[in-house]
Amino acid sequence: MEFARNGIQVNLTVQGEVETLSDTLQVTLFRLCQEALNNARKYAQANNIDISFVVAEKITLCIQDDGIGFSQIDSLQGMGLKGMKERVQALGGRFSLQSQSSSPSGTQLYAQLPIV
């Protein structure tokens, strides 16, 4: 696994019945994870990435790393994070991102989507 070879520990927690989700939701969630993992690997210098995925009345995805963080202004520059937010909003969901480059505390991405 590429992350293990680079010394990055990825932890995944899944609760609920993922197989009941529509193809659209499954692809959206996959793309969000893919982009977040790529960003953490390429830019964050993270050692640990935690992914929490809960299917209940709504779908909740939380991805957190322990990397160096980044400026919120920088996040508006790239298409990746902007695209993630647009994907979530297009399905009627909420998207938030918290990170600071001034005090390395990592980055936390949070998405909540309705089950459609």
PDB file of N, CA and C in Angstrom:
ATOM      1  N   MET A   1       0.830  -1.170   0.000  1.00  0.00           N
ATOM      2  CA  MET A   1       0.000   0.000   0.000  1.00  0.00           C
ATOM      3  C   MET A   1       0.879   1.239   0.000  1.00  0.00           C
ATOM      4  N   GLU A   2       0.546   2.195  -0.835  1.00  0.00           N
ATOM      5  CA  GLU A   2       1.362   3.394  -1.018  1.00  0.00           C
ATOM      6  C   GLU A   2       1.513   4.206   0.265  1.00  0.00           C
ATOM      7  N   PHE A   3       0.472   4.333   1.055  1.00  0.00           N
ATOM      8  CA  PHE A   3       0.542   5.129   2.274  1.00  0.00           C
ATOM      9  C   PHE A   3       1.465   4.470   3.291  1.00  0.00           C
ATOM     10  N   ALA A   4       1.358   3.167   3.448  1.00  0.00           N
ATOM     11  CA  ALA A   4       2.217   2.445   4.389  1.00  0.00           C
ATOM     12  C   ALA A   4       3.680   2.566   3.985  1.00  0.00           C
ATOM     13  N   ARG A   5       3.970   2.480   2.703  1.00  0.00           N
ATOM     14  CA  ARG A   5       5.347   2.628   2.215  1.00  0.00           C
ATOM     15  C   ARG A   5       5.914   4.008   2.530  1.00  0.00           C
ATOM     16  N   ASN A   6       5.037   5.001   2.606  1.00  0.00           N
ATOM     17  CA  ASN A   6       5.466   6.362   2.909  1.00  0.00           C
ATOM     18  C   ASN A   6       5.359   6.686   4.403  1.00  0.00           C
ATOM     19  N   GLY A   7       5.090   5.674   5.238  1.00  0.00           N
ATOM     20  CA  GLY A   7       5.024   5.870   6.676  1.00  0.00           C
ATOM     21  C   GLY A   7       3.762   6.553   7.155  1.00  0.00           C
ATOM     22  N   ILE A   8       2.685   6.471   6.382  1.00  0.00           N
ATOM     23  CA  ILE A   8       1.430   7.102   6.747  1.00  0.00           C
ATOM     24  C   ILE A   8       0.437   6.022   7.157  1.00  0.00           C
ATOM     25  N   GLN A   9      -0.085   6.162   8.366  1.00  0.00           N
ATOM     26  CA  GLN A   9      -1.081   5.226   8.891  1.00  0.00           C
ATOM     27  C   GLN A   9      -2.470   5.753   8.559  1.00  0.00           C
ATOM     28  N   VAL A  10      -3.280   4.936   7.875  1.00  0.00           N
ATOM     29  CA  VAL A  10      -4.659   5.313   7.548  1.00  0.00           C
ATOM     30  C   VAL A  10      -5.591   4.414   8.345  1.00  0.00           C
ATOM     31  N   ASN A  11      -6.480   5.045   9.119  1.00  0.00           N
ATOM     32  CA  ASN A  11      -7.453   4.320   9.938  1.00  0.00           C
ATOM     33  C   ASN A  11      -8.846   4.602   9.395  1.00  0.00           C
ATOM     34  N   LEU A  12      -9.614   3.550   9.170  1.00  0.00           N
ATOM     35  CA  LEU A  12     -10.959   3.680   8.634  1.00  0.00           C
ATOM     36  C   LEU A  12     -11.958   3.081   9.613  1.00  0.00           C
ATOM     37  N   THR A  13     -12.992   3.880   9.935  1.00  0.00           N
ATOM     38  CA  THR A  13     -14.086   3.415  10.782  1.00  0.00           C
ATOM     39  C   THR A  13     -15.376   3.580   9.993  1.00  0.00           C
ATOM     40  N   VAL A  14     -16.126   2.493   9.846  1.00  0.00           N
ATOM     41  CA  VAL A  14     -17.390   2.524   9.105  1.00  0.00           C
ATOM     42  C   VAL A  14     -18.500   2.014  10.011  1.00  0.00           C
ATOM     43  N   GLN A  15     -19.596   2.793  10.074  1.00  0.00           N
ATOM     44  CA  GLN A  15     -20.773   2.378  10.826  1.00  0.00           C
ATOM     45  C   GLN A  15     -21.988   2.503   9.927  1.00  0.00           C
ATOM     46  N   GLY A  16     -22.824   1.509   9.926  1.00  0.00           N
ATOM     47  CA  GLY A  16     -24.031   1.546   9.118  1.00  0.00           C
ATOM     48  C   GLY A  16     -23.901   0.698   7.870  1.00  0.00           C
ATOM     49  N   GLU A  17     -24.956   0.701   7.081  1.00  0.00           N
ATOM     50  CA  GLU A  17     -25.020  -0.147   5.898  1.00  0.00           C
ATOM     51  C   GLU A  17     -24.674   0.640   4.641  1.00  0.00           C
ATOM     52  N   VAL A  18     -23.428   0.555   4.260  1.00  0.00           N
ATOM     53  CA  VAL A  18     -22.903   1.279   3.107  1.00  0.00           C
ATOM     54  C   VAL A  18     -23.501   0.754   1.803  1.00  0.00           C
ATOM     55  N   GLU A  19     -23.739  -0.541   1.741  1.00  0.00           N
ATOM     56  CA  GLU A  19     -24.209  -1.158   0.493  1.00  0.00           C
ATOM     57  C   GLU A  19     -25.602  -0.703   0.077  1.00  0.00           C
ATOM     58  N   THR A  20     -26.317  -0.045   0.972  1.00  0.00           N
ATOM     59  CA  THR A  20     -27.663   0.435   0.636  1.00  0.00           C
ATOM     60  C   THR A  20     -27.648   1.803  -0.045  1.00  0.00           C
ATOM     61  N   LEU A  21     -26.491   2.442  -0.113  1.00  0.00           N
ATOM     62  CA  LEU A  21     -26.404   3.784  -0.697  1.00  0.00           C
ATOM     63  C   LEU A  21     -26.478   3.737  -2.217  1.00  0.00           C
ATOM     64  N   SER A  22     -27.019   4.792  -2.793  1.00  0.00           N
ATOM     65  CA  SER A  22     -27.113   4.887  -4.256  1.00  0.00           C
ATOM     66  C   SER A  22     -25.722   4.955  -4.874  1.00  0.00           C
ATOM     67  N   ASP A  23     -25.637   4.633  -6.143  1.00  0.00           N
ATOM     68  CA  ASP A  23     -24.362   4.724  -6.862  1.00  0.00           C
ATOM     69  C   ASP A  23     -23.808   6.148  -6.814  1.00  0.00           C
ATOM     70  N   THR A  24     -24.694   7.137  -6.935  1.00  0.00           N
ATOM     71  CA  THR A  24     -24.266   8.531  -6.911  1.00  0.00           C
ATOM     72  C   THR A  24     -23.588   8.865  -5.587  1.00  0.00           C
ATOM     73  N   LEU A  25     -24.186   8.450  -4.484  1.00  0.00           N
ATOM     74  CA  LEU A  25     -23.591   8.708  -3.173  1.00  0.00           C
ATOM     75  C   LEU A  25     -22.283   7.949  -3.000  1.00  0.00           C
ATOM     76  N   GLN A  26     -22.244   6.710  -3.440  1.00  0.00           N
ATOM     77  CA  GLN A  26     -21.015   5.925  -3.307  1.00  0.00           C
ATOM     78  C   GLN A  26     -19.864   6.558  -4.083  1.00  0.00           C
ATOM     79  N   VAL A  27     -20.138   7.006  -5.296  1.00  0.00           N
ATOM     80  CA  VAL A  27     -19.087   7.640  -6.104  1.00  0.00           C
ATOM     81  C   VAL A  27     -18.647   8.956  -5.473  1.00  0.00           C
ATOM     82  N   THR A  28     -19.605   9.739  -4.992  1.00  0.00           N
ATOM     83  CA  THR A  28     -19.272  11.018  -4.353  1.00  0.00           C
ATOM     84  C   THR A  28     -18.385  10.795  -3.129  1.00  0.00           C
ATOM     85  N   LEU A  29     -18.752   9.861  -2.286  1.00  0.00           N
ATOM     86  CA  LEU A  29     -17.963   9.579  -1.090  1.00  0.00           C
ATOM     87  C   LEU A  29     -16.576   9.047  -1.443  1.00  0.00           C
ATOM     88  N   PHE A  30     -16.506   8.206  -2.449  1.00  0.00           N
ATOM     89  CA  PHE A  30     -15.215   7.692  -2.912  1.00  0.00           C
ATOM     90  C   PHE A  30     -14.324   8.846  -3.379  1.00  0.00           C
ATOM     91  N   ARG A  31     -14.877   9.748  -4.177  1.00  0.00           N
ATOM     92  CA  ARG A  31     -14.097  10.875  -4.707  1.00  0.00           C
ATOM     93  C   ARG A  31     -13.636  11.818  -3.595  1.00  0.00           C
ATOM     94  N   LEU A  32     -14.492  12.039  -2.594  1.00  0.00           N
ATOM     95  CA  LEU A  32     -14.092  12.877  -1.465  1.00  0.00           C
ATOM     96  C   LEU A  32     -12.908  12.258  -0.722  1.00  0.00           C
ATOM     97  N   CYS A  33     -13.004  10.977  -0.454  1.00  0.00           N
ATOM     98  CA  CYS A  33     -11.901  10.280   0.229  1.00  0.00           C
ATOM     99  C   CYS A  33     -10.636  10.291  -0.615  1.00  0.00           C
ATOM    100  N   GLN A  34     -10.789  10.030  -1.900  1.00  0.00           N
ATOM    101  CA  GLN A  34      -9.645  10.001  -2.802  1.00  0.00           C
ATOM    102  C   GLN A  34      -8.912  11.346  -2.809  1.00  0.00           C
ATOM    103  N   GLU A  35      -9.646  12.428  -2.945  1.00  0.00           N
ATOM    104  CA  GLU A  35      -9.034  13.753  -2.975  1.00  0.00           C
ATOM    105  C   GLU A  35      -8.394  14.099  -1.635  1.00  0.00           C
ATOM    106  N   ALA A  36      -9.079  13.810  -0.533  1.00  0.00           N
ATOM    107  CA  ALA A  36      -8.530  14.111   0.790  1.00  0.00           C
ATOM    108  C   ALA A  36      -7.256  13.311   1.059  1.00  0.00           C
ATOM    109  N   LEU A  37      -7.253  12.044   0.703  1.00  0.00           N
ATOM    110  CA  LEU A  37      -6.063  11.220   0.893  1.00  0.00           C
ATOM    111  C   LEU A  37      -4.899  11.705   0.029  1.00  0.00           C
ATOM    112  N   ASN A  38      -5.182  12.055  -1.217  1.00  0.00           N
ATOM    113  CA  ASN A  38      -4.130  12.581  -2.088  1.00  0.00           C
ATOM    114  C   ASN A  38      -3.551  13.874  -1.534  1.00  0.00           C
ATOM    115  N   ASN A  39      -4.421  14.773  -1.057  1.00  0.00           N
ATOM    116  CA  ASN A  39      -3.942  16.033  -0.483  1.00  0.00           C
ATOM    117  C   ASN A  39      -3.080  15.795   0.753  1.00  0.00           C
ATOM    118  N   ALA A  40      -3.519  14.899   1.624  1.00  0.00           N
ATOM    119  CA  ALA A  40      -2.760  14.605   2.841  1.00  0.00           C
ATOM    120  C   ALA A  40      -1.398  14.012   2.504  1.00  0.00           C
ATOM    121  N   ARG A  41      -1.367  13.138   1.517  1.00  0.00           N
ATOM    122  CA  ARG A  41      -0.103  12.499   1.120  1.00  0.00           C
ATOM    123  C   ARG A  41       0.841  13.490   0.452  1.00  0.00           C
ATOM    124  N   LYS A  42       0.312  14.308  -0.449  1.00  0.00           N
ATOM    125  CA  LYS A  42       1.153  15.197  -1.245  1.00  0.00           C
ATOM    126  C   LYS A  42       1.585  16.466  -0.517  1.00  0.00           C
ATOM    127  N   TYR A  43       0.706  17.025   0.316  1.00  0.00           N
ATOM    128  CA  TYR A  43       0.970  18.353   0.849  1.00  0.00           C
ATOM    129  C   TYR A  43       1.084  18.434   2.366  1.00  0.00           C
ATOM    130  N   ALA A  44       0.362  17.614   3.084  1.00  0.00           N
ATOM    131  CA  ALA A  44       0.211  17.812   4.527  1.00  0.00           C
ATOM    132  C   ALA A  44       1.368  17.297   5.376  1.00  0.00           C
ATOM    133  N   GLN A  45       2.195  16.418   4.814  1.00  0.00           N
ATOM    134  CA  GLN A  45       3.258  15.778   5.593  1.00  0.00           C
ATOM    135  C   GLN A  45       2.670  15.056   6.812  1.00  0.00           C
ATOM    136  N   ALA A  46       1.515  14.462   6.617  1.00  0.00           N
ATOM    137  CA  ALA A  46       0.806  13.785   7.705  1.00  0.00           C
ATOM    138  C   ALA A  46       1.409  12.412   7.980  1.00  0.00           C
ATOM    139  N   ASN A  47       1.339  12.008   9.241  1.00  0.00           N
ATOM    140  CA  ASN A  47       1.732  10.657   9.635  1.00  0.00           C
ATOM    141  C   ASN A  47       0.518   9.768   9.855  1.00  0.00           C
ATOM    142  N   ASN A  48      -0.616  10.390  10.196  1.00  0.00           N
ATOM    143  CA  ASN A  48      -1.841   9.656  10.487  1.00  0.00           C
ATOM    144  C   ASN A  48      -3.026  10.323   9.814  1.00  0.00           C
ATOM    145  N   ILE A  49      -3.894   9.495   9.234  1.00  0.00           N
ATOM    146  CA  ILE A  49      -5.133   9.975   8.620  1.00  0.00           C
ATOM    147  C   ILE A  49      -6.259   9.088   9.157  1.00  0.00           C
ATOM    148  N   ASP A  50      -7.260   9.726   9.731  1.00  0.00           N
ATOM    149  CA  ASP A  50      -8.415   9.003  10.256  1.00  0.00           C
ATOM    150  C   ASP A  50      -9.627   9.323   9.398  1.00  0.00           C
ATOM    151  N   ILE A  51     -10.314   8.278   8.939  1.00  0.00           N
ATOM    152  CA  ILE A  51     -11.528   8.429   8.143  1.00  0.00           C
ATOM    153  C   ILE A  51     -12.667   7.778   8.918  1.00  0.00           C
ATOM    154  N   SER A  52     -13.696   8.565   9.196  1.00  0.00           N
ATOM    155  CA  SER A  52     -14.876   8.062   9.893  1.00  0.00           C
ATOM    156  C   SER A  52     -16.074   8.247   8.972  1.00  0.00           C
ATOM    157  N   PHE A  53     -16.803   7.167   8.785  1.00  0.00           N
ATOM    158  CA  PHE A  53     -17.920   7.152   7.853  1.00  0.00           C
ATOM    159  C   PHE A  53     -19.115   6.527   8.552  1.00  0.00           C
ATOM    160  N   VAL A  54     -20.198   7.307   8.698  1.00  0.00           N
ATOM    161  CA  VAL A  54     -21.378   6.825   9.412  1.00  0.00           C
ATOM    162  C   VAL A  54     -22.603   6.969   8.513  1.00  0.00           C
ATOM    163  N   VAL A  55     -23.349   5.866   8.366  1.00  0.00           N
ATOM    164  CA  VAL A  55     -24.622   5.888   7.643  1.00  0.00           C
ATOM    165  C   VAL A  55     -25.719   5.707   8.685  1.00  0.00           C
ATOM    166  N   ALA A  56     -26.539   6.740   8.855  1.00  0.00           N
ATOM    167  CA  ALA A  56     -27.695   6.689   9.760  1.00  0.00           C
ATOM    168  C   ALA A  56     -28.823   7.418   9.049  1.00  0.00           C
ATOM    169  N   GLU A  57     -29.465   8.392   9.713  1.00  0.00           N
ATOM    170  CA  GLU A  57     -30.490   9.185   9.027  1.00  0.00           C
ATOM    171  C   GLU A  57     -29.853  10.012   7.906  1.00  0.00           C
ATOM    172  N   LYS A  58     -28.601  10.394   8.123  1.00  0.00           N
ATOM    173  CA  LYS A  58     -27.796  11.094   7.125  1.00  0.00           C
ATOM    174  C   LYS A  58     -26.458  10.380   7.031  1.00  0.00           C
ATOM    175  N   ILE A  59     -25.694  10.764   6.048  1.00  0.00           N
ATOM    176  CA  ILE A  59     -24.358  10.209   5.883  1.00  0.00           C
ATOM    177  C   ILE A  59     -23.370  11.238   6.400  1.00  0.00           C
ATOM    178  N   THR A  60     -22.480  10.806   7.270  1.00  0.00           N
ATOM    179  CA  THR A  60     -21.472  11.695   7.816  1.00  0.00           C
ATOM    180  C   THR A  60     -20.089  11.141   7.478  1.00  0.00           C
ATOM    181  N   LEU A  61     -19.263  11.994   6.897  1.00  0.00           N
ATOM    182  CA  LEU A  61     -17.887  11.632   6.563  1.00  0.00           C
ATOM    183  C   LEU A  61     -16.972  12.645   7.233  1.00  0.00           C
ATOM    184  N   CYS A  62     -16.019  12.157   8.007  1.00  0.00           N
ATOM    185  CA  CYS A  62     -15.041  13.022   8.642  1.00  0.00           C
ATOM    186  C   CYS A  62     -13.658  12.463   8.336  1.00  0.00           C
ATOM    187  N   ILE A  63     -12.799  13.300   7.792  1.00  0.00           N
ATOM    188  CA  ILE A  63     -11.430  12.897   7.473  1.00  0.00           C
ATOM    189  C   ILE A  63     -10.501  13.876   8.172  1.00  0.00           C
ATOM    190  N   GLN A  64      -9.613  13.348   9.000  1.00  0.00           N
ATOM    191  CA  GLN A  64      -8.724  14.195   9.779  1.00  0.00           C
ATOM    192  C   GLN A  64      -7.295  13.689   9.650  1.00  0.00           C
ATOM    193  N   ASP A  65      -6.358  14.633   9.485  1.00  0.00           N
ATOM    194  CA  ASP A  65      -4.946  14.254   9.453  1.00  0.00           C
ATOM    195  C   ASP A  65      -4.182  15.059  10.497  1.00  0.00           C
ATOM    196  N   ASP A  66      -2.964  14.637  10.763  1.00  0.00           N
ATOM    197  CA  ASP A  66      -2.122  15.325  11.742  1.00  0.00           C
ATOM    198  C   ASP A  66      -0.987  16.083  11.045  1.00  0.00           C
ATOM    199  N   GLY A  67      -1.265  16.554   9.854  1.00  0.00           N
ATOM    200  CA  GLY A  67      -0.252  17.232   9.058  1.00  0.00           C
ATOM    201  C   GLY A  67      -0.038  18.690   9.428  1.00  0.00           C
ATOM    202  N   ILE A  68       0.626  19.405   8.527  1.00  0.00           N
ATOM    203  CA  ILE A  68       1.045  20.782   8.785  1.00  0.00           C
ATOM    204  C   ILE A  68      -0.060  21.807   8.553  1.00  0.00           C
ATOM    205  N   GLY A  69      -1.182  21.393   7.988  1.00  0.00           N
ATOM    206  CA  GLY A  69      -2.285  22.319   7.757  1.00  0.00           C
ATOM    207  C   GLY A  69      -1.989  23.270   6.612  1.00  0.00           C
ATOM    208  N   PHE A  70      -2.919  24.188   6.385  1.00  0.00           N
ATOM    209  CA  PHE A  70      -2.759  25.179   5.324  1.00  0.00           C
ATOM    210  C   PHE A  70      -3.646  26.367   5.615  1.00  0.00           C
ATOM    211  N   SER A  71      -3.381  27.447   4.934  1.00  0.00           N
ATOM    212  CA  SER A  71      -4.179  28.657   5.084  1.00  0.00           C
ATOM    213  C   SER A  71      -5.523  28.479   4.396  1.00  0.00           C
ATOM    214  N   GLN A  72      -6.602  28.980   5.008  1.00  0.00           N
ATOM    215  CA  GLN A  72      -7.920  28.895   4.389  1.00  0.00           C
ATOM    216  C   GLN A  72      -7.936  29.629   3.051  1.00  0.00           C
ATOM    217  N   ILE A  73      -7.151  30.672   2.915  1.00  0.00           N
ATOM    218  CA  ILE A  73      -7.072  31.399   1.642  1.00  0.00           C
ATOM    219  C   ILE A  73      -6.485  30.494   0.569  1.00  0.00           C
ATOM    220  N   ASP A  74      -5.479  29.703   0.935  1.00  0.00           N
ATOM    221  CA  ASP A  74      -4.879  28.759  -0.016  1.00  0.00           C
ATOM    222  C   ASP A  74      -5.892  27.732  -0.495  1.00  0.00           C
ATOM    223  N   SER A  75      -6.825  27.358   0.363  1.00  0.00           N
ATOM    224  CA  SER A  75      -7.794  26.327  -0.015  1.00  0.00           C
ATOM    225  C   SER A  75      -8.699  26.795  -1.147  1.00  0.00           C
ATOM    226  N   LEU A  76      -8.874  28.097  -1.273  1.00  0.00           N
ATOM    227  CA  LEU A  76      -9.723  28.623  -2.333  1.00  0.00           C
ATOM    228  C   LEU A  76      -9.008  28.633  -3.686  1.00  0.00           C
ATOM    229  N   GLN A  77      -7.701  28.488  -3.669  1.00  0.00           N
ATOM    230  CA  GLN A  77      -6.916  28.515  -4.896  1.00  0.00           C
ATOM    231  C   GLN A  77      -7.048  27.228  -5.710  1.00  0.00           C
ATOM    232  N   GLY A  78      -7.083  26.097  -5.028  1.00  0.00           N
ATOM    233  CA  GLY A  78      -7.053  24.812  -5.710  1.00  0.00           C
ATOM    234  C   GLY A  78      -8.422  24.335  -6.144  1.00  0.00           C
ATOM    235  N   MET A  79      -8.440  23.588  -7.195  1.00  0.00           N
ATOM    236  CA  MET A  79      -9.694  23.046  -7.719  1.00  0.00           C
ATOM    237  C   MET A  79     -10.160  21.821  -6.936  1.00  0.00           C
ATOM    238  N   GLY A  80      -9.238  21.107  -6.318  1.00  0.00           N
ATOM    239  CA  GLY A  80      -9.607  19.881  -5.614  1.00  0.00           C
ATOM    240  C   GLY A  80     -10.579  20.112  -4.478  1.00  0.00           C
ATOM    241  N   LEU A  81     -10.242  21.026  -3.572  1.00  0.00           N
ATOM    242  CA  LEU A  81     -11.113  21.304  -2.433  1.00  0.00           C
ATOM    243  C   LEU A  81     -12.403  21.977  -2.870  1.00  0.00           C
ATOM    244  N   LYS A  82     -12.300  22.852  -3.835  1.00  0.00           N
ATOM    245  CA  LYS A  82     -13.489  23.520  -4.368  1.00  0.00           C
ATOM    246  C   LYS A  82     -14.431  22.480  -4.991  1.00  0.00           C
ATOM    247  N   GLY A  83     -13.860  21.544  -5.733  1.00  0.00           N
ATOM    248  CA  GLY A  83     -14.652  20.478  -6.351  1.00  0.00           C
ATOM    249  C   GLY A  83     -15.322  19.590  -5.320  1.00  0.00           C
ATOM    250  N   MET A  84     -14.635  19.322  -4.212  1.00  0.00           N
ATOM    251  CA  MET A  84     -15.212  18.510  -3.143  1.00  0.00           C
ATOM    252  C   MET A  84     -16.448  19.206  -2.568  1.00  0.00           C
ATOM    253  N   LYS A  85     -16.307  20.484  -2.291  1.00  0.00           N
ATOM    254  CA  LYS A  85     -17.418  21.254  -1.726  1.00  0.00           C
ATOM    255  C   LYS A  85     -18.600  21.274  -2.697  1.00  0.00           C
ATOM    256  N   GLU A  86     -18.316  21.473  -3.975  1.00  0.00           N
ATOM    257  CA  GLU A  86     -19.381  21.519  -4.982  1.00  0.00           C
ATOM    258  C   GLU A  86     -20.102  20.185  -5.107  1.00  0.00           C
ATOM    259  N   ARG A  87     -19.365  19.069  -5.032  1.00  0.00           N
ATOM    260  CA  ARG A  87     -19.984  17.733  -5.099  1.00  0.00           C
ATOM    261  C   ARG A  87     -20.985  17.539  -3.964  1.00  0.00           C
ATOM    262  N   VAL A  88     -20.578  17.922  -2.761  1.00  0.00           N
ATOM    263  CA  VAL A  88     -21.433  17.757  -1.586  1.00  0.00           C
ATOM    264  C   VAL A  88     -22.662  18.657  -1.690  1.00  0.00           C
ATOM    265  N   GLN A  89     -22.451  19.907  -2.049  1.00  0.00           N
ATOM    266  CA  GLN A  89     -23.562  20.848  -2.145  1.00  0.00           C
ATOM    267  C   GLN A  89     -24.537  20.468  -3.253  1.00  0.00           C
ATOM    268  N   ALA A  90     -24.048  19.884  -4.327  1.00  0.00           N
ATOM    269  CA  ALA A  90     -24.918  19.471  -5.434  1.00  0.00           C
ATOM    270  C   ALA A  90     -25.909  18.397  -4.991  1.00  0.00           C
ATOM    271  N   LEU A  91     -25.555  17.648  -3.954  1.00  0.00           N
ATOM    272  CA  LEU A  91     -26.445  16.602  -3.432  1.00  0.00           C
ATOM    273  C   LEU A  91     -27.233  17.083  -2.212  1.00  0.00           C
ATOM    274  N   GLY A  92     -27.182  18.389  -1.941  1.00  0.00           N
ATOM    275  CA  GLY A  92     -27.936  18.945  -0.825  1.00  0.00           C
ATOM    276  C   GLY A  92     -27.265  18.770   0.520  1.00  0.00           C
ATOM    277  N   GLY A  93     -25.956  18.548   0.508  1.00  0.00           N
ATOM    278  CA  GLY A  93     -25.225  18.318   1.748  1.00  0.00           C
ATOM    279  C   GLY A  93     -24.478  19.543   2.242  1.00  0.00           C
ATOM    280  N   ARG A  94     -23.824  19.360   3.384  1.00  0.00           N
ATOM    281  CA  ARG A  94     -23.005  20.405   3.994  1.00  0.00           C
ATOM    282  C   ARG A  94     -21.549  19.961   3.986  1.00  0.00           C
ATOM    283  N   PHE A  95     -20.659  20.927   3.778  1.00  0.00           N
ATOM    284  CA  PHE A  95     -19.229  20.657   3.694  1.00  0.00           C
ATOM    285  C   PHE A  95     -18.493  21.695   4.519  1.00  0.00           C
ATOM    286  N   SER A  96     -17.558  21.259   5.341  1.00  0.00           N
ATOM    287  CA  SER A  96     -16.708  22.213   6.052  1.00  0.00           C
ATOM    288  C   SER A  96     -15.288  21.678   6.105  1.00  0.00           C
ATOM    289  N   LEU A  97     -14.374  22.613   6.224  1.00  0.00           N
ATOM    290  CA  LEU A  97     -12.958  22.295   6.228  1.00  0.00           C
ATOM    291  C   LEU A  97     -12.293  23.193   7.254  1.00  0.00           C
ATOM    292  N   GLN A  98     -11.499  22.607   8.138  1.00  0.00           N
ATOM    293  CA  GLN A  98     -10.786  23.390   9.131  1.00  0.00           C
ATOM    294  C   GLN A  98      -9.322  23.026   9.081  1.00  0.00           C
ATOM    295  N   SER A  99      -8.487  24.072   8.998  1.00  0.00           N
ATOM    296  CA  SER A  99      -7.056  23.870   8.965  1.00  0.00           C
ATOM    297  C   SER A  99      -6.380  25.197   9.257  1.00  0.00           C
ATOM    298  N   GLN A 100      -5.178  25.124   9.815  1.00  0.00           N
ATOM    299  CA  GLN A 100      -4.390  26.323  10.061  1.00  0.00           C
ATOM    300  C   GLN A 100      -2.944  26.016   9.773  1.00  0.00           C
ATOM    301  N   SER A 101      -2.313  26.889   9.000  1.00  0.00           N
ATOM    302  CA  SER A 101      -0.894  26.694   8.736  1.00  0.00           C
ATOM    303  C   SER A 101      -0.030  27.328   9.811  1.00  0.00           C
ATOM    304  N   SER A 102      -0.599  28.253  10.606  1.00  0.00           N
ATOM    305  CA  SER A 102       0.188  28.947  11.623  1.00  0.00           C
ATOM    306  C   SER A 102       0.483  28.064  12.837  1.00  0.00           C
ATOM    307  N   SER A 103      -0.375  27.132  13.143  1.00  0.00           N
ATOM    308  CA  SER A 103      -0.131  26.208  14.254  1.00  0.00           C
ATOM    309  C   SER A 103      -0.484  24.801  13.782  1.00  0.00           C
ATOM    310  N   PRO A 104       0.524  24.025  13.412  1.00  0.00           N
ATOM    311  CA  PRO A 104       0.246  22.701  12.862  1.00  0.00           C
ATOM    312  C   PRO A 104      -0.639  21.855  13.766  1.00  0.00           C
ATOM    313  N   SER A 105      -1.852  21.674  13.330  1.00  0.00           N
ATOM    314  CA  SER A 105      -2.781  20.818  14.065  1.00  0.00           C
ATOM    315  C   SER A 105      -3.545  19.932  13.094  1.00  0.00           C
ATOM    316  N   GLY A 106      -3.084  19.903  11.867  1.00  0.00           N
ATOM    317  CA  GLY A 106      -3.725  19.055  10.877  1.00  0.00           C
ATOM    318  C   GLY A 106      -4.921  19.717  10.223  1.00  0.00           C
ATOM    319  N   THR A 107      -5.616  18.914   9.470  1.00  0.00           N
ATOM    320  CA  THR A 107      -6.781  19.372   8.718  1.00  0.00           C
ATOM    321  C   THR A 107      -7.934  18.439   9.006  1.00  0.00           C
ATOM    322  N   GLN A 108      -9.133  19.017   9.123  1.00  0.00           N
ATOM    323  CA  GLN A 108     -10.328  18.212   9.310  1.00  0.00           C
ATOM    324  C   GLN A 108     -11.352  18.582   8.255  1.00  0.00           C
ATOM    325  N   LEU A 109     -11.790  17.577   7.516  1.00  0.00           N
ATOM    326  CA  LEU A 109     -12.823  17.732   6.501  1.00  0.00           C
ATOM    327  C   LEU A 109     -14.076  17.054   7.041  1.00  0.00           C
ATOM    328  N   TYR A 110     -15.192  17.738   6.905  1.00  0.00           N
ATOM    329  CA  TYR A 110     -16.461  17.200   7.388  1.00  0.00           C
ATOM    330  C   TYR A 110     -17.495  17.363   6.290  1.00  0.00           C
ATOM    331  N   ALA A 111     -18.196  16.284   5.972  1.00  0.00           N
ATOM    332  CA  ALA A 111     -19.272  16.336   4.984  1.00  0.00           C
ATOM    333  C   ALA A 111     -20.470  15.580   5.549  1.00  0.00           C
ATOM    334  N   GLN A 112     -21.628  16.184   5.381  1.00  0.00           N
ATOM    335  CA  GLN A 112     -22.872  15.515   5.761  1.00  0.00           C
ATOM    336  C   GLN A 112     -23.805  15.553   4.575  1.00  0.00           C
ATOM    337  N   LEU A 113     -24.299  14.379   4.203  1.00  0.00           N
ATOM    338  CA  LEU A 113     -25.141  14.251   3.014  1.00  0.00           C
ATOM    339  C   LEU A 113     -26.462  13.580   3.361  1.00  0.00           C
ATOM    340  N   PRO A 114     -27.535  14.017   2.688  1.00  0.00           N
ATOM    341  CA  PRO A 114     -28.808  13.312   2.872  1.00  0.00           C
ATOM    342  C   PRO A 114     -28.761  11.984   2.127  1.00  0.00           C
ATOM    343  N   ILE A 115     -29.521  11.023   2.600  1.00  0.00           N
ATOM    344  CA  ILE A 115     -29.602   9.746   1.899  1.00  0.00           C
ATOM    345  C   ILE A 115     -30.645   9.895   0.811  1.00  0.00           C
ATOM    346  N   VAL A 116     -30.179   9.830  -0.441  1.00  0.00           N
ATOM    347  CA  VAL A 116     -31.072   9.989  -1.594  1.00  0.00           C
ATOM    348  C   VAL A 116     -31.065   8.741  -2.449  1.00  0.00           C
TER     349      VAL A 116
END
